[in-house]
Amino acid sequence: MDEKGQVSVEYLMLIFVAILILGTITLPLVGKAIDASNDVSRASDAKIAVETIANAADVVYANGPGAKRTVSFYIPQDGTLGCDNNMIYFTIKFSNNTMRNITAITQYNITSNSVQLTKGWHNATITWPINTRSIVIAIV
């Protein structure tokens, strides 16, 4: 009778050690996978935001001087939204502390100051004032 009990304890210890080894190997991998997935999600949300603004600027450009359009967009984390000639960008910080600009190209030159935005929903008003040569983006 005692031999069967010892075999059961040995099997339980073996299973415990196997689970312990698997846990110490897989948990860090799961954490890295979650971080990578969150990075992709934030980059995708940022890409949608800058493309929404760029598409609205293209519509204003197509409508000509005097046109105006207001759009809502979601910013996935605190960061900087800016314009450079015909490019709109949002600077995003990844989980490994690297920074990257997420960009969208427009058909016409845009002027706007770089704006620090917080995570959440924002509105942008895109206008092409009469007698000017550039489209203006104002974040409200």
N, C-alpha and C. Protein backbone atom coordinates (compact mmCIF):
# COMPACT_ATOMS: atom_id res chain seq x y z
N MET A 1 0.81 -1.19 0.00
CA MET A 1 0.00 0.00 0.00
C MET A 1 0.86 1.26 0.00
N ASP A 2 1.93 1.27 0.76
CA ASP A 2 2.79 2.43 0.84
C ASP A 2 3.48 2.73 -0.48
N GLU A 3 3.77 1.71 -1.28
CA GLU A 3 4.44 1.92 -2.56
C GLU A 3 3.55 2.69 -3.54
N LYS A 4 2.27 2.41 -3.54
CA LYS A 4 1.35 3.12 -4.43
C LYS A 4 1.25 4.59 -4.06
N GLY A 5 1.29 4.90 -2.77
CA GLY A 5 1.24 6.29 -2.33
C GLY A 5 2.47 7.06 -2.75
N GLN A 6 3.63 6.40 -2.68
CA GLN A 6 4.87 7.08 -3.07
C GLN A 6 4.90 7.33 -4.57
N VAL A 7 4.39 6.40 -5.36
CA VAL A 7 4.33 6.59 -6.81
C VAL A 7 3.43 7.77 -7.15
N SER A 8 2.32 7.88 -6.45
CA SER A 8 1.40 9.00 -6.71
C SER A 8 2.06 10.33 -6.38
N VAL A 9 2.79 10.40 -5.27
CA VAL A 9 3.47 11.63 -4.89
C VAL A 9 4.55 11.96 -5.92
N GLU A 10 5.27 10.97 -6.42
CA GLU A 10 6.30 11.22 -7.42
C GLU A 10 5.69 11.74 -8.72
N TYR A 11 4.57 11.17 -9.11
CA TYR A 11 3.89 11.68 -10.32
C TYR A 11 3.41 13.12 -10.12
N LEU A 12 2.86 13.40 -8.95
CA LEU A 12 2.40 14.76 -8.67
C LEU A 12 3.57 15.75 -8.70
N MET A 13 4.71 15.36 -8.12
CA MET A 13 5.89 16.23 -8.14
C MET A 13 6.39 16.44 -9.56
N LEU A 14 6.38 15.38 -10.37
CA LEU A 14 6.82 15.48 -11.76
C LEU A 14 5.91 16.42 -12.55
N ILE A 15 4.61 16.28 -12.35
CA ILE A 15 3.65 17.16 -13.03
C ILE A 15 3.83 18.60 -12.56
N PHE A 16 4.04 18.79 -11.25
CA PHE A 16 4.25 20.13 -10.72
C PHE A 16 5.49 20.79 -11.32
N VAL A 17 6.58 20.06 -11.42
CA VAL A 17 7.81 20.59 -11.99
C VAL A 17 7.60 20.93 -13.47
N ALA A 18 6.90 20.06 -14.21
CA ALA A 18 6.64 20.32 -15.63
C ALA A 18 5.79 21.59 -15.80
N ILE A 19 4.78 21.76 -14.98
CA ILE A 19 3.94 22.95 -15.05
C ILE A 19 4.74 24.18 -14.68
N LEU A 20 5.61 24.08 -13.69
CA LEU A 20 6.45 25.20 -13.28
C LEU A 20 7.39 25.63 -14.40
N ILE A 21 8.00 24.67 -15.08
CA ILE A 21 8.89 24.99 -16.19
C ILE A 21 8.13 25.62 -17.34
N LEU A 22 6.99 25.04 -17.70
CA LEU A 22 6.18 25.61 -18.78
C LEU A 22 5.70 27.02 -18.44
N GLY A 23 5.33 27.23 -17.19
CA GLY A 23 4.87 28.55 -16.77
C GLY A 23 5.94 29.60 -16.85
N THR A 24 7.16 29.27 -16.45
CA THR A 24 8.23 30.26 -16.48
C THR A 24 8.68 30.56 -17.91
N ILE A 25 8.43 29.66 -18.82
CA ILE A 25 8.81 29.90 -20.22
C ILE A 25 7.70 30.64 -20.96
N THR A 26 6.46 30.26 -20.75
CA THR A 26 5.38 30.83 -21.55
C THR A 26 4.90 32.19 -21.06
N LEU A 27 4.94 32.47 -19.76
CA LEU A 27 4.43 33.76 -19.28
C LEU A 27 5.17 34.95 -19.87
N PRO A 28 6.51 34.97 -19.92
CA PRO A 28 7.16 36.11 -20.57
C PRO A 28 6.81 36.22 -22.05
N LEU A 29 6.65 35.09 -22.73
CA LEU A 29 6.27 35.13 -24.14
C LEU A 29 4.88 35.70 -24.33
N VAL A 30 3.98 35.36 -23.44
CA VAL A 30 2.62 35.88 -23.52
C VAL A 30 2.63 37.39 -23.29
N GLY A 31 3.44 37.87 -22.33
CA GLY A 31 3.54 39.30 -22.07
C GLY A 31 4.05 40.06 -23.28
N LYS A 32 5.07 39.53 -23.94
CA LYS A 32 5.61 40.18 -25.15
C LYS A 32 4.59 40.17 -26.27
N ALA A 33 3.84 39.08 -26.40
CA ALA A 33 2.81 39.00 -27.44
C ALA A 33 1.70 40.02 -27.19
N ILE A 34 1.33 40.20 -25.94
CA ILE A 34 0.30 41.19 -25.60
C ILE A 34 0.80 42.60 -25.91
N ASP A 35 2.06 42.90 -25.55
CA ASP A 35 2.62 44.22 -25.85
C ASP A 35 2.66 44.47 -27.35
N ALA A 36 3.08 43.47 -28.12
CA ALA A 36 3.13 43.62 -29.58
C ALA A 36 1.74 43.85 -30.15
N SER A 37 0.76 43.12 -29.64
CA SER A 37 -0.61 43.27 -30.12
C SER A 37 -1.15 44.66 -29.80
N ASN A 38 -0.86 45.17 -28.60
CA ASN A 38 -1.30 46.52 -28.24
C ASN A 38 -0.61 47.57 -29.11
N ASP A 39 0.66 47.37 -29.42
CA ASP A 39 1.38 48.30 -30.30
C ASP A 39 0.73 48.36 -31.69
N VAL A 40 0.39 47.20 -32.22
CA VAL A 40 -0.25 47.15 -33.54
C VAL A 40 -1.61 47.84 -33.49
N SER A 41 -2.34 47.62 -32.43
CA SER A 41 -3.66 48.25 -32.29
C SER A 41 -3.55 49.77 -32.20
N ARG A 42 -2.60 50.28 -31.41
CA ARG A 42 -2.42 51.74 -31.30
C ARG A 42 -1.95 52.34 -32.62
N ALA A 43 -1.04 51.66 -33.30
CA ALA A 43 -0.55 52.17 -34.59
C ALA A 43 -1.69 52.19 -35.61
N SER A 44 -2.54 51.18 -35.58
CA SER A 44 -3.68 51.13 -36.49
C SER A 44 -4.66 52.26 -36.20
N ASP A 45 -4.95 52.50 -34.93
CA ASP A 45 -5.85 53.61 -34.57
C ASP A 45 -5.26 54.96 -34.98
N ALA A 46 -3.95 55.12 -34.80
CA ALA A 46 -3.29 56.36 -35.21
C ALA A 46 -3.34 56.53 -36.73
N LYS A 47 -3.16 55.44 -37.47
CA LYS A 47 -3.21 55.49 -38.93
C LYS A 47 -4.61 55.90 -39.39
N ILE A 48 -5.63 55.36 -38.77
CA ILE A 48 -7.00 55.72 -39.12
C ILE A 48 -7.24 57.21 -38.83
N ALA A 49 -6.70 57.72 -37.71
CA ALA A 49 -6.89 59.13 -37.36
C ALA A 49 -6.25 60.05 -38.40
N VAL A 50 -4.99 59.79 -38.76
CA VAL A 50 -4.33 60.69 -39.72
C VAL A 50 -4.93 60.54 -41.12
N GLU A 51 -5.38 59.34 -41.48
CA GLU A 51 -6.03 59.17 -42.78
C GLU A 51 -7.39 59.86 -42.82
N THR A 52 -8.10 59.88 -41.70
CA THR A 52 -9.38 60.59 -41.64
C THR A 52 -9.16 62.08 -41.89
N ILE A 53 -8.15 62.65 -41.26
CA ILE A 53 -7.86 64.07 -41.45
C ILE A 53 -7.38 64.33 -42.88
N ALA A 54 -6.51 63.46 -43.40
CA ALA A 54 -6.01 63.62 -44.77
C ALA A 54 -7.13 63.52 -45.79
N ASN A 55 -8.04 62.58 -45.61
CA ASN A 55 -9.17 62.44 -46.53
C ASN A 55 -10.06 63.69 -46.49
N ALA A 56 -10.28 64.23 -45.29
CA ALA A 56 -11.08 65.46 -45.18
C ALA A 56 -10.37 66.62 -45.87
N ALA A 57 -9.06 66.69 -45.74
CA ALA A 57 -8.30 67.75 -46.42
C ALA A 57 -8.39 67.59 -47.94
N ASP A 58 -8.38 66.36 -48.42
CA ASP A 58 -8.51 66.13 -49.86
C ASP A 58 -9.90 66.53 -50.37
N VAL A 59 -10.93 66.31 -49.55
CA VAL A 59 -12.29 66.72 -49.92
C VAL A 59 -12.36 68.25 -49.98
N VAL A 60 -11.75 68.91 -49.00
CA VAL A 60 -11.73 70.38 -49.00
C VAL A 60 -10.98 70.88 -50.23
N TYR A 61 -9.87 70.25 -50.55
CA TYR A 61 -9.09 70.64 -51.74
C TYR A 61 -9.93 70.47 -53.01
N ALA A 62 -10.68 69.37 -53.09
CA ALA A 62 -11.52 69.10 -54.26
C ALA A 62 -12.65 70.13 -54.39
N ASN A 63 -13.14 70.62 -53.26
CA ASN A 63 -14.24 71.60 -53.28
C ASN A 63 -13.76 73.02 -53.56
N GLY A 64 -12.49 73.29 -53.36
CA GLY A 64 -11.93 74.60 -53.71
C GLY A 64 -11.92 75.59 -52.57
N PRO A 65 -11.39 76.79 -52.82
CA PRO A 65 -11.31 77.83 -51.79
C PRO A 65 -12.68 78.13 -51.21
N GLY A 66 -12.70 78.33 -49.89
CA GLY A 66 -13.95 78.59 -49.19
C GLY A 66 -14.58 77.34 -48.60
N ALA A 67 -14.05 76.16 -48.93
CA ALA A 67 -14.61 74.90 -48.43
C ALA A 67 -14.20 74.67 -46.98
N LYS A 68 -15.05 73.92 -46.28
CA LYS A 68 -14.81 73.62 -44.87
C LYS A 68 -15.36 72.23 -44.56
N ARG A 69 -14.65 71.51 -43.72
CA ARG A 69 -15.11 70.17 -43.33
C ARG A 69 -14.65 69.93 -41.89
N THR A 70 -15.52 69.31 -41.09
CA THR A 70 -15.20 68.96 -39.71
C THR A 70 -15.29 67.45 -39.57
N VAL A 71 -14.26 66.85 -38.95
CA VAL A 71 -14.24 65.40 -38.75
C VAL A 71 -13.88 65.08 -37.31
N SER A 72 -14.34 63.93 -36.84
CA SER A 72 -13.98 63.40 -35.52
C SER A 72 -13.00 62.26 -35.73
N PHE A 73 -12.06 62.15 -34.81
CA PHE A 73 -11.08 61.07 -34.90
C PHE A 73 -10.65 60.65 -33.50
N TYR A 74 -10.16 59.42 -33.39
CA TYR A 74 -9.74 58.86 -32.11
C TYR A 74 -8.23 58.77 -32.04
N ILE A 75 -7.65 59.29 -30.97
CA ILE A 75 -6.21 59.21 -30.73
C ILE A 75 -5.98 58.13 -29.67
N PRO A 76 -5.16 57.10 -29.99
CA PRO A 76 -5.01 55.95 -29.09
C PRO A 76 -4.12 56.20 -27.88
N GLN A 77 -3.30 57.24 -27.90
CA GLN A 77 -2.45 57.57 -26.75
C GLN A 77 -2.01 59.02 -26.88
N ASP A 78 -1.51 59.58 -25.80
CA ASP A 78 -1.03 60.96 -25.84
C ASP A 78 0.11 61.06 -26.86
N GLY A 79 0.12 62.13 -27.63
CA GLY A 79 1.16 62.29 -28.64
C GLY A 79 1.01 63.60 -29.39
N THR A 80 1.84 63.75 -30.42
CA THR A 80 1.89 64.98 -31.21
C THR A 80 1.30 64.75 -32.59
N LEU A 81 0.35 65.60 -32.97
CA LEU A 81 -0.22 65.60 -34.31
C LEU A 81 0.29 66.84 -35.02
N GLY A 82 0.81 66.66 -36.22
CA GLY A 82 1.34 67.80 -36.95
C GLY A 82 1.24 67.62 -38.45
N CYS A 83 1.64 68.67 -39.17
CA CYS A 83 1.61 68.67 -40.63
C CYS A 83 2.95 69.16 -41.15
N ASP A 84 3.34 68.64 -42.29
CA ASP A 84 4.56 69.06 -42.95
C ASP A 84 4.31 69.04 -44.45
N ASN A 85 4.08 70.22 -45.04
CA ASN A 85 3.73 70.35 -46.46
C ASN A 85 2.47 69.57 -46.77
N ASN A 86 2.57 68.44 -47.45
CA ASN A 86 1.37 67.67 -47.79
C ASN A 86 1.32 66.35 -47.02
N MET A 87 1.87 66.34 -45.81
CA MET A 87 1.87 65.13 -45.00
C MET A 87 1.34 65.44 -43.60
N ILE A 88 0.45 64.59 -43.11
CA ILE A 88 -0.04 64.68 -41.74
C ILE A 88 0.59 63.54 -40.97
N TYR A 89 1.05 63.82 -39.75
CA TYR A 89 1.71 62.76 -38.98
C TYR A 89 1.25 62.79 -37.52
N PHE A 90 1.35 61.62 -36.89
CA PHE A 90 1.10 61.48 -35.46
C PHE A 90 2.25 60.66 -34.89
N THR A 91 2.89 61.17 -33.87
CA THR A 91 4.03 60.48 -33.26
C THR A 91 3.50 59.55 -32.17
N ILE A 92 3.85 58.28 -32.30
CA ILE A 92 3.37 57.27 -31.37
C ILE A 92 4.56 56.62 -30.68
N LYS A 93 4.37 56.26 -29.41
CA LYS A 93 5.42 55.60 -28.63
C LYS A 93 5.01 54.15 -28.40
N PHE A 94 5.91 53.24 -28.76
CA PHE A 94 5.63 51.81 -28.62
C PHE A 94 6.06 51.30 -27.25
N SER A 95 5.70 50.07 -26.93
CA SER A 95 5.98 49.49 -25.62
C SER A 95 7.47 49.34 -25.34
N ASN A 96 8.30 49.28 -26.38
CA ASN A 96 9.75 49.18 -26.17
C ASN A 96 10.40 50.57 -26.15
N ASN A 97 9.59 51.62 -25.97
CA ASN A 97 10.02 53.02 -25.85
C ASN A 97 10.59 53.61 -27.14
N THR A 98 10.33 53.01 -28.29
CA THR A 98 10.72 53.61 -29.56
C THR A 98 9.59 54.51 -30.04
N MET A 99 9.95 55.55 -30.78
CA MET A 99 8.97 56.49 -31.31
C MET A 99 8.90 56.32 -32.82
N ARG A 100 7.69 56.52 -33.38
CA ARG A 100 7.51 56.41 -34.82
C ARG A 100 6.42 57.37 -35.26
N ASN A 101 6.63 57.97 -36.43
CA ASN A 101 5.61 58.83 -37.01
C ASN A 101 4.70 58.01 -37.90
N ILE A 102 3.41 58.08 -37.64
CA ILE A 102 2.40 57.47 -38.48
C ILE A 102 1.92 58.58 -39.42
N THR A 103 2.00 58.35 -40.73
CA THR A 103 1.77 59.44 -41.69
C THR A 103 0.65 59.13 -42.67
N ALA A 104 0.13 60.21 -43.26
CA ALA A 104 -0.82 60.13 -44.37
C ALA A 104 -0.53 61.31 -45.29
N ILE A 105 -0.59 61.07 -46.58
CA ILE A 105 -0.27 62.07 -47.59
C ILE A 105 -1.57 62.72 -48.10
N THR A 106 -1.51 64.04 -48.33
CA THR A 106 -2.64 64.76 -48.91
C THR A 106 -2.26 65.26 -50.30
N GLN A 107 -3.26 65.75 -51.04
CA GLN A 107 -3.03 66.20 -52.40
C GLN A 107 -2.54 67.65 -52.48
N TYR A 108 -2.57 68.35 -51.35
CA TYR A 108 -2.27 69.78 -51.38
C TYR A 108 -1.55 70.16 -50.09
N ASN A 109 -0.84 71.27 -50.13
CA ASN A 109 -0.13 71.72 -48.93
C ASN A 109 -1.09 72.08 -47.81
N ILE A 110 -0.68 71.72 -46.61
CA ILE A 110 -1.50 71.96 -45.42
C ILE A 110 -0.67 72.75 -44.42
N THR A 111 -1.31 73.68 -43.73
CA THR A 111 -0.63 74.37 -42.65
C THR A 111 -1.36 74.11 -41.34
N SER A 112 -0.56 73.82 -40.33
CA SER A 112 -1.09 73.61 -39.00
C SER A 112 0.08 73.57 -38.03
N ASN A 113 -0.13 74.05 -36.84
CA ASN A 113 0.89 73.92 -35.81
C ASN A 113 0.83 72.51 -35.24
N SER A 114 1.96 72.01 -34.77
CA SER A 114 1.96 70.73 -34.08
C SER A 114 1.16 70.88 -32.80
N VAL A 115 0.32 69.89 -32.53
CA VAL A 115 -0.57 69.96 -31.39
C VAL A 115 -0.37 68.72 -30.52
N GLN A 116 -0.22 68.93 -29.21
CA GLN A 116 -0.17 67.81 -28.27
C GLN A 116 -1.60 67.38 -27.99
N LEU A 117 -1.91 66.12 -28.26
CA LEU A 117 -3.25 65.60 -28.03
C LEU A 117 -3.23 64.52 -26.96
N THR A 118 -4.32 64.44 -26.23
CA THR A 118 -4.46 63.38 -25.24
C THR A 118 -5.26 62.24 -25.84
N LYS A 119 -5.16 61.10 -25.22
CA LYS A 119 -5.90 59.93 -25.67
C LYS A 119 -7.40 60.24 -25.65
N GLY A 120 -8.09 59.85 -26.72
CA GLY A 120 -9.53 60.04 -26.77
C GLY A 120 -9.99 60.62 -28.10
N TRP A 121 -11.25 61.04 -28.12
CA TRP A 121 -11.86 61.59 -29.33
C TRP A 121 -11.61 63.08 -29.43
N HIS A 122 -11.34 63.52 -30.66
CA HIS A 122 -11.08 64.93 -30.94
C HIS A 122 -11.78 65.31 -32.24
N ASN A 123 -11.95 66.62 -32.45
CA ASN A 123 -12.52 67.14 -33.69
C ASN A 123 -11.48 68.01 -34.40
N ALA A 124 -11.48 67.94 -35.71
CA ALA A 124 -10.61 68.79 -36.52
C ALA A 124 -11.48 69.50 -37.55
N THR A 125 -11.23 70.79 -37.70
CA THR A 125 -11.90 71.58 -38.72
C THR A 125 -10.88 71.90 -39.80
N ILE A 126 -11.17 71.47 -41.00
CA ILE A 126 -10.27 71.67 -42.14
C ILE A 126 -10.92 72.71 -43.05
N THR A 127 -10.22 73.81 -43.31
CA THR A 127 -10.76 74.87 -44.15
C THR A 127 -9.73 75.30 -45.19
N TRP A 128 -10.25 75.82 -46.29
CA TRP A 128 -9.40 76.45 -47.29
C TRP A 128 -9.88 77.89 -47.42
N PRO A 129 -9.27 78.82 -46.68
CA PRO A 129 -9.72 80.21 -46.72
C PRO A 129 -9.58 80.79 -48.12
N ILE A 130 -10.52 81.64 -48.46
CA ILE A 130 -10.49 82.31 -49.77
C ILE A 130 -9.26 83.20 -49.84
N ASN A 131 -8.66 83.28 -51.03
CA ASN A 131 -7.47 84.09 -51.31
C ASN A 131 -6.20 83.61 -50.57
N THR A 132 -6.15 82.31 -50.25
CA THR A 132 -4.93 81.74 -49.66
C THR A 132 -4.49 80.55 -50.51
N ARG A 133 -3.26 80.11 -50.27
CA ARG A 133 -2.70 79.01 -51.06
C ARG A 133 -2.55 77.72 -50.27
N SER A 134 -3.11 77.65 -49.07
CA SER A 134 -2.98 76.42 -48.30
C SER A 134 -4.22 76.13 -47.49
N ILE A 135 -4.38 74.87 -47.19
CA ILE A 135 -5.49 74.39 -46.38
C ILE A 135 -5.06 74.44 -44.92
N VAL A 136 -5.97 74.84 -44.04
CA VAL A 136 -5.66 75.00 -42.62
C VAL A 136 -6.42 73.96 -41.82
N ILE A 137 -5.71 73.32 -40.89
CA ILE A 137 -6.33 72.35 -39.98
C ILE A 137 -6.32 72.94 -38.59
N ALA A 138 -7.48 72.96 -37.95
CA ALA A 138 -7.59 73.43 -36.57
C ALA A 138 -8.18 72.31 -35.74
N ILE A 139 -7.49 71.93 -34.69
CA ILE A 139 -7.98 70.88 -33.77
C ILE A 139 -8.77 71.58 -32.68
N VAL A 140 -10.02 71.15 -32.52
CA VAL A 140 -10.89 71.76 -31.51
C VAL A 140 -11.30 70.75 -30.48
